[in-house]
Amino acid sequence: MMFDRWRRDLIQYQKVHQNKYNQWLHYFAFLFAFVAWIFLLINIYVTIVFALLHYVLSWIGHFHFEKNKPASFKYPWLGFYAGFSWFFIRSFEILLRKKLLPKE
């Protein structure tokens, strides 16, 4: 049941990230967010800079390329966990050179 919810949310996440430029911006945005989490206990200023870069890139992708609002405005938890799930799956796709996510 929990896997079904995660899969449904991930599919929904992909539907609002169709533009290839938005996808690239989001990939780097979540890379910066991941680095921000790593630096959380090391240097708060680095964390803040990377967190801001995450939001700037994500919002440029949504407002300029997708012409929609980020899910984090209305559903912050969904944007967080579905976005990170997509980022890690996409990273494995790049490393393995194999498509893991279905194209929705």
N, C-alpha and C. Protein backbone atom coordinates (compact mmCIF):
# COMPACT_ATOMS: atom_id res chain seq x y z
N MET A 1 0.83 -1.20 0.00
CA MET A 1 0.00 0.00 0.00
C MET A 1 0.87 1.26 0.00
N MET A 2 1.92 1.26 0.82
CA MET A 2 2.80 2.42 0.86
C MET A 2 3.58 2.55 -0.46
N PHE A 3 3.97 1.41 -1.04
CA PHE A 3 4.66 1.44 -2.33
C PHE A 3 3.74 2.00 -3.42
N ASP A 4 2.46 1.65 -3.38
CA ASP A 4 1.51 2.16 -4.38
C ASP A 4 1.40 3.68 -4.27
N ARG A 5 1.36 4.18 -3.06
CA ARG A 5 1.27 5.64 -2.85
C ARG A 5 2.54 6.32 -3.38
N TRP A 6 3.71 5.74 -3.06
CA TRP A 6 4.98 6.30 -3.53
C TRP A 6 5.03 6.31 -5.05
N ARG A 7 4.61 5.21 -5.66
CA ARG A 7 4.62 5.10 -7.13
C ARG A 7 3.67 6.14 -7.75
N ARG A 8 2.48 6.27 -7.18
CA ARG A 8 1.50 7.23 -7.67
C ARG A 8 2.03 8.67 -7.55
N ASP A 9 2.67 8.97 -6.43
CA ASP A 9 3.23 10.31 -6.24
C ASP A 9 4.39 10.58 -7.19
N LEU A 10 5.20 9.56 -7.44
CA LEU A 10 6.32 9.71 -8.36
C LEU A 10 5.82 9.94 -9.79
N ILE A 11 4.77 9.24 -10.18
CA ILE A 11 4.16 9.44 -11.50
C ILE A 11 3.61 10.86 -11.61
N GLN A 12 2.93 11.31 -10.56
CA GLN A 12 2.40 12.67 -10.55
C GLN A 12 3.53 13.69 -10.65
N TYR A 13 4.62 13.43 -9.94
CA TYR A 13 5.79 14.32 -9.98
C TYR A 13 6.32 14.42 -11.41
N GLN A 14 6.41 13.29 -12.09
CA GLN A 14 6.92 13.29 -13.46
C GLN A 14 6.00 14.05 -14.42
N LYS A 15 4.71 14.00 -14.16
CA LYS A 15 3.75 14.67 -15.05
C LYS A 15 3.92 16.18 -15.06
N VAL A 16 4.36 16.75 -13.94
CA VAL A 16 4.54 18.21 -13.89
C VAL A 16 5.98 18.62 -14.15
N HIS A 17 6.78 17.66 -14.62
CA HIS A 17 8.18 17.91 -14.97
C HIS A 17 8.47 17.29 -16.34
N GLN A 18 7.73 17.70 -17.35
CA GLN A 18 7.86 17.13 -18.69
C GLN A 18 8.93 17.79 -19.53
N ASN A 19 9.16 19.07 -19.33
CA ASN A 19 10.11 19.81 -20.14
C ASN A 19 11.54 19.36 -19.82
N LYS A 20 12.33 19.07 -20.86
CA LYS A 20 13.68 18.55 -20.62
C LYS A 20 14.59 19.55 -19.92
N TYR A 21 14.40 20.84 -20.18
CA TYR A 21 15.21 21.85 -19.49
C TYR A 21 14.83 21.94 -18.02
N ASN A 22 13.54 21.81 -17.74
CA ASN A 22 13.08 21.79 -16.36
C ASN A 22 13.63 20.56 -15.64
N GLN A 23 13.68 19.43 -16.32
CA GLN A 23 14.22 18.22 -15.71
C GLN A 23 15.69 18.40 -15.36
N TRP A 24 16.45 18.99 -16.26
CA TRP A 24 17.87 19.23 -15.97
C TRP A 24 18.04 20.21 -14.82
N LEU A 25 17.25 21.28 -14.82
CA LEU A 25 17.31 22.23 -13.71
C LEU A 25 16.97 21.54 -12.38
N HIS A 26 15.96 20.69 -12.40
CA HIS A 26 15.57 19.98 -11.19
C HIS A 26 16.63 18.96 -10.76
N TYR A 27 17.27 18.34 -11.73
CA TYR A 27 18.31 17.40 -11.36
C TYR A 27 19.42 18.11 -10.58
N PHE A 28 19.89 19.25 -11.10
CA PHE A 28 20.93 20.00 -10.40
C PHE A 28 20.40 20.63 -9.12
N ALA A 29 19.13 21.04 -9.13
CA ALA A 29 18.54 21.59 -7.91
C ALA A 29 18.56 20.56 -6.78
N PHE A 30 18.20 19.32 -7.10
CA PHE A 30 18.20 18.29 -6.05
C PHE A 30 19.61 17.83 -5.71
N LEU A 31 20.53 17.95 -6.65
CA LEU A 31 21.93 17.70 -6.32
C LEU A 31 22.40 18.73 -5.29
N PHE A 32 22.05 20.00 -5.51
CA PHE A 32 22.40 21.05 -4.55
C PHE A 32 21.70 20.82 -3.21
N ALA A 33 20.46 20.38 -3.24
CA ALA A 33 19.73 20.10 -1.99
C ALA A 33 20.40 18.97 -1.23
N PHE A 34 20.84 17.95 -1.96
CA PHE A 34 21.53 16.83 -1.33
C PHE A 34 22.83 17.30 -0.66
N VAL A 35 23.58 18.13 -1.36
CA VAL A 35 24.81 18.70 -0.79
C VAL A 35 24.47 19.56 0.43
N ALA A 36 23.38 20.31 0.36
CA ALA A 36 22.96 21.12 1.51
C ALA A 36 22.71 20.25 2.74
N TRP A 37 22.04 19.12 2.55
CA TRP A 37 21.80 18.20 3.68
C TRP A 37 23.12 17.68 4.25
N ILE A 38 24.07 17.40 3.39
CA ILE A 38 25.38 16.92 3.86
C ILE A 38 26.07 17.99 4.72
N PHE A 39 25.97 19.24 4.28
CA PHE A 39 26.64 20.33 4.98
C PHE A 39 25.85 20.85 6.18
N LEU A 40 24.68 20.33 6.42
CA LEU A 40 23.82 20.84 7.50
C LEU A 40 24.55 20.89 8.84
N LEU A 41 25.32 19.89 9.16
CA LEU A 41 26.03 19.86 10.44
C LEU A 41 27.47 20.35 10.34
N ILE A 42 27.91 20.70 9.14
CA ILE A 42 29.29 21.13 8.94
C ILE A 42 29.39 22.65 8.85
N ASN A 43 28.55 23.25 7.99
CA ASN A 43 28.61 24.69 7.78
C ASN A 43 27.23 25.19 7.36
N ILE A 44 26.57 25.90 8.23
CA ILE A 44 25.20 26.35 7.98
C ILE A 44 25.13 27.33 6.81
N TYR A 45 26.18 28.11 6.59
CA TYR A 45 26.17 29.07 5.49
C TYR A 45 26.21 28.36 4.13
N VAL A 46 27.00 27.33 4.02
CA VAL A 46 27.03 26.52 2.79
C VAL A 46 25.67 25.86 2.59
N THR A 47 25.08 25.38 3.67
CA THR A 47 23.75 24.78 3.60
C THR A 47 22.73 25.76 3.04
N ILE A 48 22.76 26.97 3.54
CA ILE A 48 21.80 28.00 3.10
C ILE A 48 22.00 28.33 1.63
N VAL A 49 23.25 28.49 1.21
CA VAL A 49 23.54 28.81 -0.20
C VAL A 49 23.02 27.70 -1.12
N PHE A 50 23.33 26.45 -0.79
CA PHE A 50 22.87 25.34 -1.63
C PHE A 50 21.35 25.19 -1.59
N ALA A 51 20.74 25.42 -0.45
CA ALA A 51 19.28 25.36 -0.36
C ALA A 51 18.64 26.44 -1.23
N LEU A 52 19.19 27.64 -1.19
CA LEU A 52 18.68 28.72 -2.05
C LEU A 52 18.85 28.40 -3.53
N LEU A 53 20.02 27.85 -3.89
CA LEU A 53 20.24 27.45 -5.28
C LEU A 53 19.21 26.40 -5.71
N HIS A 54 18.90 25.49 -4.81
CA HIS A 54 17.89 24.46 -5.09
C HIS A 54 16.56 25.12 -5.48
N TYR A 55 16.10 26.04 -4.65
CA TYR A 55 14.81 26.68 -4.93
C TYR A 55 14.85 27.56 -6.17
N VAL A 56 15.91 28.29 -6.36
CA VAL A 56 16.01 29.16 -7.55
C VAL A 56 15.93 28.32 -8.83
N LEU A 57 16.72 27.26 -8.91
CA LEU A 57 16.69 26.42 -10.12
C LEU A 57 15.33 25.76 -10.31
N SER A 58 14.75 25.25 -9.24
CA SER A 58 13.44 24.60 -9.33
C SER A 58 12.37 25.58 -9.80
N TRP A 59 12.36 26.75 -9.22
CA TRP A 59 11.33 27.72 -9.57
C TRP A 59 11.52 28.26 -10.98
N ILE A 60 12.75 28.45 -11.42
CA ILE A 60 12.97 28.85 -12.82
C ILE A 60 12.39 27.78 -13.74
N GLY A 61 12.66 26.52 -13.42
CA GLY A 61 12.12 25.43 -14.23
C GLY A 61 10.61 25.43 -14.30
N HIS A 62 9.97 25.65 -13.17
CA HIS A 62 8.51 25.64 -13.17
C HIS A 62 7.91 26.88 -13.82
N PHE A 63 8.35 28.04 -13.41
CA PHE A 63 7.72 29.27 -13.90
C PHE A 63 8.09 29.58 -15.34
N HIS A 64 9.32 29.30 -15.74
CA HIS A 64 9.76 29.67 -17.09
C HIS A 64 9.49 28.55 -18.11
N PHE A 65 9.82 27.32 -17.78
CA PHE A 65 9.73 26.24 -18.77
C PHE A 65 8.41 25.47 -18.70
N GLU A 66 7.95 25.13 -17.52
CA GLU A 66 6.72 24.34 -17.40
C GLU A 66 5.46 25.21 -17.35
N LYS A 67 5.62 26.45 -16.94
CA LYS A 67 4.48 27.37 -16.80
C LYS A 67 3.47 26.83 -15.77
N ASN A 68 4.00 26.30 -14.66
CA ASN A 68 3.14 25.83 -13.58
C ASN A 68 3.77 26.18 -12.24
N LYS A 69 3.05 25.91 -11.16
CA LYS A 69 3.56 26.20 -9.83
C LYS A 69 4.21 24.95 -9.24
N PRO A 70 5.29 25.14 -8.49
CA PRO A 70 5.93 24.00 -7.83
C PRO A 70 5.00 23.35 -6.82
N ALA A 71 5.08 22.04 -6.71
CA ALA A 71 4.26 21.30 -5.74
C ALA A 71 4.59 21.72 -4.32
N SER A 72 5.82 22.19 -4.10
CA SER A 72 6.23 22.56 -2.75
C SER A 72 5.42 23.72 -2.18
N PHE A 73 4.75 24.49 -3.03
CA PHE A 73 3.90 25.57 -2.54
C PHE A 73 2.70 25.01 -1.79
N LYS A 74 2.10 23.97 -2.35
CA LYS A 74 0.87 23.42 -1.78
C LYS A 74 1.12 22.11 -1.02
N TYR A 75 2.04 21.31 -1.49
CA TYR A 75 2.33 20.01 -0.90
C TYR A 75 3.84 19.86 -0.67
N PRO A 76 4.38 20.52 0.36
CA PRO A 76 5.84 20.50 0.54
C PRO A 76 6.41 19.09 0.75
N TRP A 77 5.71 18.24 1.45
CA TRP A 77 6.23 16.88 1.69
C TRP A 77 6.31 16.10 0.38
N LEU A 78 5.30 16.24 -0.48
CA LEU A 78 5.30 15.55 -1.77
C LEU A 78 6.48 16.03 -2.63
N GLY A 79 6.67 17.33 -2.70
CA GLY A 79 7.79 17.87 -3.48
C GLY A 79 9.13 17.39 -2.95
N PHE A 80 9.21 17.22 -1.64
CA PHE A 80 10.46 16.79 -1.01
C PHE A 80 10.76 15.32 -1.32
N TYR A 81 9.84 14.44 -0.95
CA TYR A 81 10.18 13.01 -1.08
C TYR A 81 10.07 12.50 -2.52
N ALA A 82 9.13 12.99 -3.28
CA ALA A 82 9.03 12.56 -4.68
C ALA A 82 10.19 13.13 -5.49
N GLY A 83 10.57 14.35 -5.19
CA GLY A 83 11.69 14.97 -5.88
C GLY A 83 13.01 14.26 -5.60
N PHE A 84 13.25 13.95 -4.34
CA PHE A 84 14.48 13.22 -4.00
C PHE A 84 14.44 11.80 -4.56
N SER A 85 13.29 11.16 -4.53
CA SER A 85 13.17 9.82 -5.12
C SER A 85 13.52 9.88 -6.60
N TRP A 86 12.93 10.84 -7.30
CA TRP A 86 13.21 11.01 -8.73
C TRP A 86 14.70 11.28 -8.95
N PHE A 87 15.31 12.14 -8.14
CA PHE A 87 16.72 12.48 -8.28
C PHE A 87 17.60 11.24 -8.14
N PHE A 88 17.36 10.42 -7.13
CA PHE A 88 18.20 9.25 -6.93
C PHE A 88 17.98 8.20 -8.03
N ILE A 89 16.74 8.01 -8.43
CA ILE A 89 16.47 7.08 -9.53
C ILE A 89 17.13 7.58 -10.81
N ARG A 90 17.00 8.86 -11.07
CA ARG A 90 17.61 9.45 -12.28
C ARG A 90 19.13 9.32 -12.23
N SER A 91 19.73 9.48 -11.05
CA SER A 91 21.18 9.32 -10.91
C SER A 91 21.59 7.90 -11.27
N PHE A 92 20.83 6.91 -10.81
CA PHE A 92 21.13 5.53 -11.18
C PHE A 92 20.95 5.30 -12.67
N GLU A 93 19.94 5.94 -13.28
CA GLU A 93 19.76 5.82 -14.72
C GLU A 93 20.98 6.36 -15.47
N ILE A 94 21.51 7.48 -15.02
CA ILE A 94 22.68 8.07 -15.66
C ILE A 94 23.89 7.16 -15.50
N LEU A 95 24.09 6.65 -14.30
CA LEU A 95 25.24 5.77 -14.04
C LEU A 95 25.15 4.44 -14.79
N LEU A 96 23.94 3.87 -14.83
CA LEU A 96 23.75 2.56 -15.46
C LEU A 96 23.49 2.66 -16.96
N ARG A 97 23.19 3.88 -17.42
CA ARG A 97 22.81 4.10 -18.83
C ARG A 97 21.63 3.21 -19.21
N LYS A 98 20.66 3.16 -18.31
CA LYS A 98 19.48 2.33 -18.49
C LYS A 98 18.27 3.06 -17.88
N LYS A 99 17.17 3.05 -18.60
CA LYS A 99 15.95 3.69 -18.13
C LYS A 99 15.30 2.83 -17.05
N LEU A 100 15.06 3.41 -15.88
CA LEU A 100 14.41 2.71 -14.78
C LEU A 100 12.97 3.18 -14.56
N LEU A 101 12.74 4.47 -14.85
CA LEU A 101 11.41 5.04 -14.64
C LEU A 101 10.59 4.92 -15.94
N PRO A 102 9.33 4.54 -15.81
CA PRO A 102 8.47 4.54 -17.01
C PRO A 102 8.19 5.97 -17.42
N LYS A 103 8.09 6.20 -18.70
CA LYS A 103 7.76 7.54 -19.19
C LYS A 103 6.26 7.72 -19.11
N GLU A 104 5.82 8.65 -18.30
CA GLU A 104 4.38 8.89 -18.10
C GLU A 104 3.97 10.14 -18.82
